Amino acid sequence: MVNKHYPKQFKADAVALYRSRPGATIASIADDLGVNRETVRSWVRADDQRRGDGPAASARPQAAAGSVEDENAELRRRVRELEEERDILRKAARYFAGETRW
């Protein structure tokens, strides 16, 4: 089996994608990106160590929807997350398109 070397930015984007999707699993992210599950898991662990976080610290607290301002802030945050996910997937598609040898 050949070891693949992924760019640092790709690794960081994969970890960011995992963290930005509350219901996502490492397996689903790895499958979406076409990367081995254990590889993505090791990237997430390395990022946890770099940050000084544990697995529980990566869980996001849910915002209270008590007022319109709170709801707007939550919706703006969600839009930022979705835009980040879209950008990560575009970069991944460009990366893998460059890897193919037709």
N, C-alpha and C. Protein backbone atom coordinates (compact mmCIF):
# COMPACT_ATOMS: atom_id res chain seq x y z
N MET A 1 0.85 -1.18 0.00
CA MET A 1 0.00 0.00 0.00
C MET A 1 0.89 1.24 0.00
N VAL A 2 0.52 2.22 -0.78
CA VAL A 2 1.29 3.44 -0.93
C VAL A 2 0.82 4.47 0.08
N ASN A 3 1.78 5.09 0.77
CA ASN A 3 1.43 6.16 1.70
C ASN A 3 1.20 7.44 0.91
N LYS A 4 0.08 8.08 1.14
CA LYS A 4 -0.22 9.34 0.48
C LYS A 4 0.17 10.47 1.41
N HIS A 5 0.68 11.52 0.82
CA HIS A 5 1.03 12.70 1.59
C HIS A 5 0.09 13.82 1.19
N TYR A 6 -0.68 14.28 2.17
CA TYR A 6 -1.66 15.32 1.92
C TYR A 6 -1.08 16.66 2.36
N PRO A 7 -1.40 17.73 1.64
CA PRO A 7 -0.94 19.06 2.04
C PRO A 7 -1.51 19.45 3.40
N LYS A 8 -0.78 20.27 4.12
CA LYS A 8 -1.22 20.72 5.44
C LYS A 8 -2.58 21.41 5.37
N GLN A 9 -2.78 22.19 4.33
CA GLN A 9 -4.05 22.91 4.20
C GLN A 9 -5.21 21.94 4.03
N PHE A 10 -5.00 20.87 3.27
CA PHE A 10 -6.05 19.87 3.08
C PHE A 10 -6.39 19.21 4.42
N LYS A 11 -5.37 18.89 5.21
CA LYS A 11 -5.60 18.29 6.53
C LYS A 11 -6.38 19.25 7.41
N ALA A 12 -5.96 20.51 7.43
CA ALA A 12 -6.64 21.51 8.27
C ALA A 12 -8.09 21.69 7.82
N ASP A 13 -8.32 21.68 6.52
CA ASP A 13 -9.68 21.83 6.00
C ASP A 13 -10.55 20.63 6.37
N ALA A 14 -9.97 19.44 6.32
CA ALA A 14 -10.73 18.24 6.69
C ALA A 14 -11.13 18.28 8.16
N VAL A 15 -10.21 18.71 9.03
CA VAL A 15 -10.51 18.82 10.46
C VAL A 15 -11.56 19.91 10.68
N ALA A 16 -11.42 21.03 9.98
CA ALA A 16 -12.40 22.11 10.12
C ALA A 16 -13.79 21.66 9.66
N LEU A 17 -13.83 20.87 8.61
CA LEU A 17 -15.10 20.35 8.13
C LEU A 17 -15.74 19.45 9.17
N TYR A 18 -14.94 18.58 9.78
CA TYR A 18 -15.44 17.69 10.83
C TYR A 18 -15.99 18.48 12.01
N ARG A 19 -15.26 19.51 12.42
CA ARG A 19 -15.68 20.30 13.58
C ARG A 19 -16.89 21.18 13.29
N SER A 20 -17.07 21.57 12.04
CA SER A 20 -18.16 22.50 11.72
C SER A 20 -19.50 21.79 11.53
N ARG A 21 -19.49 20.49 11.43
CA ARG A 21 -20.74 19.74 11.23
C ARG A 21 -21.06 18.97 12.50
N PRO A 22 -22.04 19.42 13.28
CA PRO A 22 -22.32 18.81 14.57
C PRO A 22 -22.71 17.34 14.51
N GLY A 23 -23.39 16.89 13.49
CA GLY A 23 -23.83 15.51 13.42
C GLY A 23 -22.89 14.61 12.63
N ALA A 24 -21.80 15.17 12.14
CA ALA A 24 -20.89 14.41 11.28
C ALA A 24 -20.02 13.46 12.10
N THR A 25 -19.68 12.36 11.48
CA THR A 25 -18.73 11.43 12.08
C THR A 25 -17.43 11.48 11.28
N ILE A 26 -16.37 11.01 11.90
CA ILE A 26 -15.09 10.97 11.19
C ILE A 26 -15.23 10.08 9.96
N ALA A 27 -15.97 8.99 10.09
CA ALA A 27 -16.15 8.07 8.97
C ALA A 27 -16.85 8.77 7.80
N SER A 28 -17.87 9.56 8.08
CA SER A 28 -18.59 10.22 6.98
C SER A 28 -17.72 11.27 6.30
N ILE A 29 -16.94 12.01 7.08
CA ILE A 29 -16.03 13.00 6.50
C ILE A 29 -14.97 12.31 5.65
N ALA A 30 -14.39 11.23 6.18
CA ALA A 30 -13.36 10.49 5.45
C ALA A 30 -13.92 9.94 4.14
N ASP A 31 -15.11 9.38 4.19
CA ASP A 31 -15.72 8.85 2.98
C ASP A 31 -16.00 9.95 1.96
N ASP A 32 -16.48 11.10 2.43
CA ASP A 32 -16.76 12.23 1.54
C ASP A 32 -15.49 12.72 0.84
N LEU A 33 -14.38 12.72 1.57
CA LEU A 33 -13.12 13.23 1.01
C LEU A 33 -12.29 12.15 0.32
N GLY A 34 -12.67 10.89 0.49
CA GLY A 34 -11.91 9.81 -0.13
C GLY A 34 -10.60 9.52 0.58
N VAL A 35 -10.61 9.71 1.90
CA VAL A 35 -9.41 9.50 2.71
C VAL A 35 -9.70 8.38 3.70
N ASN A 36 -8.67 7.65 4.09
CA ASN A 36 -8.82 6.59 5.07
C ASN A 36 -9.36 7.17 6.38
N ARG A 37 -10.24 6.44 7.02
CA ARG A 37 -10.87 6.91 8.26
C ARG A 37 -9.86 7.13 9.37
N GLU A 38 -8.91 6.23 9.50
CA GLU A 38 -7.90 6.36 10.56
C GLU A 38 -6.99 7.56 10.30
N THR A 39 -6.79 7.89 9.05
CA THR A 39 -5.98 9.06 8.71
C THR A 39 -6.67 10.33 9.21
N VAL A 40 -7.96 10.45 8.92
CA VAL A 40 -8.71 11.63 9.38
C VAL A 40 -8.76 11.64 10.91
N ARG A 41 -8.95 10.47 11.52
CA ARG A 41 -8.99 10.39 12.98
C ARG A 41 -7.66 10.89 13.58
N SER A 42 -6.55 10.53 12.97
CA SER A 42 -5.25 10.98 13.49
C SER A 42 -5.08 12.49 13.31
N TRP A 43 -5.62 13.04 12.21
CA TRP A 43 -5.56 14.49 12.01
C TRP A 43 -6.36 15.22 13.09
N VAL A 44 -7.53 14.68 13.43
CA VAL A 44 -8.37 15.30 14.46
C VAL A 44 -7.68 15.22 15.82
N ARG A 45 -7.10 14.07 16.13
CA ARG A 45 -6.39 13.92 17.41
C ARG A 45 -5.20 14.87 17.49
N ALA A 46 -4.45 14.99 16.40
CA ALA A 46 -3.30 15.89 16.39
C ALA A 46 -3.76 17.33 16.60
N ASP A 47 -4.87 17.69 16.00
CA ASP A 47 -5.40 19.04 16.18
C ASP A 47 -5.87 19.26 17.62
N ASP A 48 -6.48 18.23 18.22
CA ASP A 48 -6.88 18.32 19.63
C ASP A 48 -5.66 18.57 20.51
N GLN A 49 -4.60 17.84 20.26
CA GLN A 49 -3.38 18.00 21.06
C GLN A 49 -2.78 19.38 20.85
N ARG A 50 -2.78 19.84 19.61
CA ARG A 50 -2.22 21.16 19.31
C ARG A 50 -3.00 22.25 20.04
N ARG A 51 -4.32 22.10 20.08
CA ARG A 51 -5.18 23.08 20.74
C ARG A 51 -5.20 22.92 22.25
N GLY A 52 -4.85 21.73 22.73
CA GLY A 52 -4.96 21.46 24.15
C GLY A 52 -6.37 21.06 24.54
N ASP A 53 -7.17 20.65 23.55
CA ASP A 53 -8.55 20.25 23.78
C ASP A 53 -8.63 18.74 23.95
N GLY A 54 -9.72 18.34 24.56
CA GLY A 54 -10.07 16.93 24.58
C GLY A 54 -11.25 16.73 23.67
N PRO A 55 -11.68 15.50 23.46
CA PRO A 55 -12.84 15.26 22.60
C PRO A 55 -14.10 15.97 23.08
N ALA A 56 -14.27 16.08 24.39
CA ALA A 56 -15.47 16.72 24.92
C ALA A 56 -15.45 18.23 24.69
N ALA A 57 -14.26 18.80 24.60
CA ALA A 57 -14.16 20.25 24.44
C ALA A 57 -14.54 20.68 23.03
N SER A 58 -14.55 19.75 22.07
CA SER A 58 -14.91 20.13 20.72
C SER A 58 -16.43 20.23 20.52
N ALA A 59 -17.20 19.76 21.48
CA ALA A 59 -18.66 19.85 21.37
C ALA A 59 -19.08 21.30 21.55
N ARG A 60 -20.00 21.74 20.70
CA ARG A 60 -20.46 23.11 20.74
C ARG A 60 -21.64 23.28 21.66
N PRO A 61 -21.64 24.33 22.46
CA PRO A 61 -22.85 24.59 23.25
C PRO A 61 -23.95 25.12 22.33
N GLN A 62 -25.18 24.72 22.60
CA GLN A 62 -26.30 25.16 21.78
C GLN A 62 -26.74 26.55 22.23
N ALA A 63 -26.97 27.42 21.26
CA ALA A 63 -27.39 28.78 21.55
C ALA A 63 -28.88 28.79 21.90
N ALA A 64 -29.23 29.63 22.84
CA ALA A 64 -30.64 29.76 23.22
C ALA A 64 -31.34 30.62 22.17
N ALA A 65 -32.52 30.20 21.78
CA ALA A 65 -33.27 30.93 20.77
C ALA A 65 -34.33 31.80 21.44
N GLY A 66 -33.91 32.53 22.47
CA GLY A 66 -34.84 33.33 23.25
C GLY A 66 -35.25 34.61 22.57
N SER A 67 -34.42 35.15 21.71
CA SER A 67 -34.77 36.42 21.09
C SER A 67 -34.41 36.39 19.61
N VAL A 68 -34.86 37.38 18.91
CA VAL A 68 -34.60 37.49 17.48
C VAL A 68 -33.11 37.68 17.24
N GLU A 69 -32.45 38.46 18.10
CA GLU A 69 -31.01 38.69 17.94
C GLU A 69 -30.23 37.39 18.09
N ASP A 70 -30.61 36.56 19.06
CA ASP A 70 -29.94 35.28 19.26
C ASP A 70 -30.15 34.37 18.05
N GLU A 71 -31.37 34.37 17.55
CA GLU A 71 -31.67 33.54 16.39
C GLU A 71 -30.89 34.02 15.17
N ASN A 72 -30.82 35.34 14.97
CA ASN A 72 -30.05 35.88 13.85
C ASN A 72 -28.57 35.54 13.97
N ALA A 73 -28.03 35.62 15.16
CA ALA A 73 -26.63 35.28 15.36
C ALA A 73 -26.39 33.81 15.04
N GLU A 74 -27.29 32.95 15.46
CA GLU A 74 -27.17 31.52 15.17
C GLU A 74 -27.25 31.26 13.67
N LEU A 75 -28.17 31.94 12.99
CA LEU A 75 -28.30 31.75 11.55
C LEU A 75 -27.07 32.26 10.79
N ARG A 76 -26.52 33.38 11.24
CA ARG A 76 -25.29 33.89 10.61
C ARG A 76 -24.14 32.92 10.80
N ARG A 77 -24.04 32.32 11.98
CA ARG A 77 -22.99 31.34 12.25
C ARG A 77 -23.16 30.14 11.34
N ARG A 78 -24.39 29.70 11.17
CA ARG A 78 -24.67 28.54 10.31
C ARG A 78 -24.33 28.83 8.85
N VAL A 79 -24.62 30.05 8.40
CA VAL A 79 -24.26 30.43 7.03
C VAL A 79 -22.75 30.40 6.86
N ARG A 80 -22.00 30.90 7.84
CA ARG A 80 -20.53 30.85 7.77
C ARG A 80 -20.04 29.42 7.70
N GLU A 81 -20.63 28.53 8.50
CA GLU A 81 -20.24 27.12 8.48
C GLU A 81 -20.48 26.50 7.12
N LEU A 82 -21.65 26.76 6.56
CA LEU A 82 -21.98 26.18 5.26
C LEU A 82 -21.07 26.71 4.16
N GLU A 83 -20.74 28.00 4.22
CA GLU A 83 -19.82 28.56 3.23
C GLU A 83 -18.44 27.94 3.37
N GLU A 84 -18.00 27.71 4.61
CA GLU A 84 -16.70 27.07 4.84
C GLU A 84 -16.70 25.63 4.31
N GLU A 85 -17.77 24.90 4.57
CA GLU A 85 -17.87 23.53 4.05
C GLU A 85 -17.82 23.52 2.53
N ARG A 86 -18.55 24.43 1.92
CA ARG A 86 -18.56 24.51 0.46
C ARG A 86 -17.15 24.78 -0.07
N ASP A 87 -16.44 25.72 0.56
CA ASP A 87 -15.09 26.05 0.12
C ASP A 87 -14.14 24.87 0.30
N ILE A 88 -14.28 24.14 1.39
CA ILE A 88 -13.43 22.98 1.63
C ILE A 88 -13.68 21.92 0.57
N LEU A 89 -14.93 21.66 0.26
CA LEU A 89 -15.25 20.67 -0.75
C LEU A 89 -14.76 21.09 -2.13
N ARG A 90 -14.81 22.36 -2.44
CA ARG A 90 -14.28 22.84 -3.71
C ARG A 90 -12.77 22.62 -3.79
N LYS A 91 -12.07 22.93 -2.69
CA LYS A 91 -10.62 22.71 -2.66
C LYS A 91 -10.29 21.23 -2.80
N ALA A 92 -11.06 20.38 -2.13
CA ALA A 92 -10.82 18.94 -2.21
C ALA A 92 -11.05 18.46 -3.64
N ALA A 93 -12.09 18.95 -4.28
CA ALA A 93 -12.37 18.54 -5.65
C ALA A 93 -11.24 18.97 -6.58
N ARG A 94 -10.72 20.18 -6.39
CA ARG A 94 -9.60 20.65 -7.19
C ARG A 94 -8.36 19.81 -6.96
N TYR A 95 -8.12 19.47 -5.69
CA TYR A 95 -6.95 18.67 -5.33
C TYR A 95 -7.02 17.29 -6.00
N PHE A 96 -8.15 16.63 -5.88
CA PHE A 96 -8.28 15.28 -6.43
C PHE A 96 -8.37 15.30 -7.96
N ALA A 97 -8.89 16.37 -8.53
CA ALA A 97 -8.92 16.48 -10.01
C ALA A 97 -7.50 16.59 -10.54
N GLY A 98 -6.63 17.24 -9.80
CA GLY A 98 -5.24 17.36 -10.22
C GLY A 98 -4.47 16.07 -10.07
N GLU A 99 -4.96 15.16 -9.23
CA GLU A 99 -4.29 13.89 -8.98
C GLU A 99 -4.58 12.86 -10.06
N THR A 100 -5.69 12.99 -10.76
CA THR A 100 -6.07 11.98 -11.74
C THR A 100 -5.16 12.04 -12.95
N ARG A 101 -4.84 10.87 -13.47
CA ARG A 101 -4.01 10.77 -14.67
C ARG A 101 -4.84 10.10 -15.77
N TRP A 102 -5.40 10.85 -16.66
CA TRP A 102 -6.26 10.30 -17.69
C TRP A 102 -5.47 9.78 -18.80
